N, C-alpha and C. Protein backbone atom coordinates (compact mmCIF):
# COMPACT_ATOMS: atom_id res chain seq x y z
N UNK A 1 6.13 21.14 17.71
CA UNK A 1 6.56 20.78 19.03
C UNK A 1 7.74 19.81 18.89
N UNK A 2 8.63 19.81 19.86
CA UNK A 2 9.79 18.92 19.86
C UNK A 2 9.55 17.71 20.75
N UNK A 3 10.26 16.62 20.43
CA UNK A 3 10.16 15.43 21.24
C UNK A 3 11.23 14.42 20.89
N UNK A 4 11.08 13.22 21.45
CA UNK A 4 12.04 12.13 21.21
C UNK A 4 11.27 10.82 21.17
N UNK A 5 11.57 9.97 20.19
CA UNK A 5 10.90 8.69 20.07
C UNK A 5 11.36 7.78 21.20
N UNK A 6 10.39 7.22 21.91
CA UNK A 6 10.65 6.36 23.07
C UNK A 6 10.54 4.87 22.73
N UNK A 7 9.47 4.50 22.02
CA UNK A 7 9.21 3.08 21.71
C UNK A 7 8.66 2.95 20.30
N UNK A 8 9.01 1.83 19.66
CA UNK A 8 8.50 1.51 18.33
C UNK A 8 8.01 0.07 18.34
N UNK A 9 6.79 -0.13 17.88
CA UNK A 9 6.21 -1.46 17.75
C UNK A 9 6.21 -1.76 16.24
N UNK A 10 7.31 -2.35 15.78
CA UNK A 10 7.55 -2.54 14.34
C UNK A 10 6.42 -3.29 13.65
N UNK A 11 6.02 -4.43 14.20
CA UNK A 11 5.04 -5.28 13.52
C UNK A 11 3.64 -4.67 13.47
N UNK A 12 3.37 -3.69 14.30
CA UNK A 12 2.06 -3.02 14.32
C UNK A 12 2.09 -1.69 13.56
N UNK A 13 3.30 -1.15 13.28
CA UNK A 13 3.41 0.09 12.52
C UNK A 13 3.11 1.35 13.28
N UNK A 14 3.41 1.33 14.59
CA UNK A 14 3.22 2.54 15.37
C UNK A 14 4.26 2.61 16.48
N UNK A 15 4.26 3.73 17.18
CA UNK A 15 5.19 3.92 18.28
C UNK A 15 4.69 5.01 19.21
N UNK A 16 5.57 5.36 20.15
CA UNK A 16 5.25 6.40 21.11
C UNK A 16 6.45 7.32 21.24
N UNK A 17 6.17 8.59 21.36
CA UNK A 17 7.23 9.56 21.60
C UNK A 17 6.88 10.36 22.83
N UNK A 18 7.86 11.02 23.37
CA UNK A 18 7.64 11.88 24.53
C UNK A 18 7.95 13.30 24.08
N UNK A 19 6.99 14.21 24.30
CA UNK A 19 7.21 15.59 23.89
C UNK A 19 8.07 16.34 24.91
N UNK A 20 8.41 17.56 24.60
CA UNK A 20 9.31 18.34 25.45
C UNK A 20 8.71 18.67 26.82
N UNK A 21 7.40 18.47 26.98
CA UNK A 21 6.75 18.70 28.27
C UNK A 21 6.59 17.40 29.06
N UNK A 22 7.04 16.28 28.48
CA UNK A 22 6.97 15.00 29.17
C UNK A 22 5.72 14.18 28.89
N UNK A 23 4.87 14.63 27.97
CA UNK A 23 3.66 13.89 27.62
C UNK A 23 3.98 12.82 26.59
N UNK A 24 3.52 11.60 26.85
CA UNK A 24 3.71 10.52 25.89
C UNK A 24 2.62 10.62 24.83
N UNK A 25 3.03 10.48 23.56
CA UNK A 25 2.10 10.59 22.45
C UNK A 25 2.26 9.42 21.49
N UNK A 26 1.14 8.89 21.02
CA UNK A 26 1.10 7.85 20.01
C UNK A 26 1.45 8.46 18.65
N UNK A 27 2.11 7.70 17.78
CA UNK A 27 2.26 8.10 16.39
C UNK A 27 2.22 6.87 15.50
N UNK A 28 1.71 7.04 14.30
CA UNK A 28 1.63 5.95 13.32
C UNK A 28 2.78 6.11 12.33
N UNK A 29 3.27 5.00 11.81
CA UNK A 29 4.38 5.02 10.85
C UNK A 29 4.08 5.92 9.66
N UNK A 30 2.84 5.98 9.24
CA UNK A 30 2.47 6.80 8.07
C UNK A 30 2.64 8.29 8.34
N UNK A 31 2.79 8.69 9.61
CA UNK A 31 2.95 10.10 9.96
C UNK A 31 4.41 10.55 9.98
N UNK A 32 5.35 9.62 9.81
CA UNK A 32 6.77 9.98 9.80
C UNK A 32 7.11 10.45 8.39
N UNK A 33 7.36 11.75 8.24
CA UNK A 33 7.53 12.37 6.94
C UNK A 33 8.84 12.01 6.24
N UNK A 34 9.91 11.86 6.99
CA UNK A 34 11.22 11.61 6.39
C UNK A 34 11.82 10.31 6.93
N UNK A 35 11.05 9.25 6.84
CA UNK A 35 11.47 7.94 7.34
C UNK A 35 12.66 7.42 6.54
N UNK A 36 13.79 7.15 7.20
CA UNK A 36 15.00 6.69 6.49
C UNK A 36 14.98 5.17 6.27
N UNK A 37 14.23 4.71 5.32
CA UNK A 37 14.14 3.27 5.08
C UNK A 37 12.94 2.68 5.78
N UNK A 38 13.15 1.55 6.45
CA UNK A 38 12.05 0.84 7.09
C UNK A 38 11.75 1.37 8.50
N UNK A 39 10.54 1.12 8.93
CA UNK A 39 10.07 1.52 10.26
C UNK A 39 10.57 0.48 11.26
N UNK A 40 11.76 0.74 11.85
CA UNK A 40 12.37 -0.21 12.78
C UNK A 40 12.79 0.47 14.07
N UNK A 41 12.88 -0.32 15.14
CA UNK A 41 13.36 0.20 16.41
C UNK A 41 14.75 0.78 16.27
N UNK A 42 15.63 0.03 15.59
CA UNK A 42 17.02 0.46 15.45
C UNK A 42 17.14 1.81 14.75
N UNK A 43 16.28 2.08 13.79
CA UNK A 43 16.35 3.33 13.04
C UNK A 43 15.71 4.50 13.76
N UNK A 44 14.82 4.24 14.72
CA UNK A 44 14.02 5.34 15.26
C UNK A 44 14.12 5.61 16.75
N UNK A 45 14.31 4.60 17.58
CA UNK A 45 14.29 4.81 19.03
C UNK A 45 15.37 5.79 19.45
N UNK A 46 14.97 6.74 20.27
CA UNK A 46 15.82 7.81 20.82
C UNK A 46 16.17 8.90 19.81
N UNK A 47 15.50 8.93 18.67
CA UNK A 47 15.72 9.99 17.68
C UNK A 47 14.90 11.23 18.05
N UNK A 48 15.49 12.39 17.84
CA UNK A 48 14.79 13.65 18.07
C UNK A 48 13.84 13.92 16.91
N UNK A 49 12.67 14.50 17.23
CA UNK A 49 11.65 14.77 16.22
C UNK A 49 10.98 16.11 16.48
N UNK A 50 10.35 16.62 15.45
CA UNK A 50 9.37 17.69 15.59
C UNK A 50 8.05 17.12 15.08
N UNK A 51 6.94 17.65 15.56
CA UNK A 51 5.63 17.13 15.18
C UNK A 51 4.55 18.13 15.52
N UNK A 52 3.36 17.86 15.01
CA UNK A 52 2.18 18.64 15.35
C UNK A 52 1.38 17.84 16.37
N UNK A 53 1.07 18.42 17.53
CA UNK A 53 0.27 17.71 18.52
C UNK A 53 -1.18 17.61 18.06
N UNK A 54 -1.82 16.51 18.43
CA UNK A 54 -3.20 16.27 18.03
C UNK A 54 -3.86 15.40 19.09
N UNK A 55 -5.17 15.33 19.07
CA UNK A 55 -5.94 14.45 19.95
C UNK A 55 -6.57 13.38 19.09
N UNK A 56 -6.36 12.13 19.46
CA UNK A 56 -6.98 11.02 18.76
C UNK A 56 -8.08 10.43 19.60
N UNK A 57 -8.74 9.39 19.11
CA UNK A 57 -9.83 8.78 19.87
C UNK A 57 -9.38 8.15 21.18
N UNK A 58 -8.07 7.83 21.29
CA UNK A 58 -7.56 7.21 22.52
C UNK A 58 -6.62 8.11 23.30
N UNK A 59 -6.50 9.39 22.90
CA UNK A 59 -5.65 10.31 23.65
C UNK A 59 -4.70 11.10 22.78
N UNK A 60 -3.63 11.58 23.40
CA UNK A 60 -2.66 12.44 22.70
C UNK A 60 -1.95 11.66 21.61
N UNK A 61 -1.77 12.33 20.46
CA UNK A 61 -1.02 11.70 19.37
C UNK A 61 -0.20 12.76 18.66
N UNK A 62 0.73 12.29 17.85
CA UNK A 62 1.60 13.17 17.08
C UNK A 62 1.34 12.93 15.59
N UNK A 63 1.22 14.01 14.83
CA UNK A 63 1.06 13.92 13.38
C UNK A 63 2.15 14.77 12.72
N UNK A 64 2.41 14.52 11.45
CA UNK A 64 3.45 15.25 10.71
C UNK A 64 4.80 15.16 11.44
N UNK A 65 5.18 13.96 11.81
CA UNK A 65 6.42 13.72 12.55
C UNK A 65 7.61 13.81 11.61
N UNK A 66 8.62 14.59 12.00
CA UNK A 66 9.85 14.73 11.19
C UNK A 66 11.06 14.48 12.07
N UNK A 67 11.93 13.59 11.61
CA UNK A 67 13.19 13.34 12.31
C UNK A 67 14.08 14.56 12.18
N UNK A 68 14.75 14.96 13.26
CA UNK A 68 15.59 16.16 13.21
C UNK A 68 17.07 15.88 13.47
N UNK A 69 17.42 14.64 13.77
CA UNK A 69 18.84 14.33 13.99
C UNK A 69 19.31 13.21 13.09
């Protein structure tokens, strides 16, 4: 599925992205497959991604996140 990273919480190691259908999804830094350096807002916010949709204990989440731009 396609999406775009909306928010990154650097000190907690997670963020949120919005998929192509408009659903907000949680993702953990460990799920970013091709992270270019450190997990920072500057490096990730507004970047296009592909991912596998999943359900976590607290709702929708993204796994196997790959930056595409």
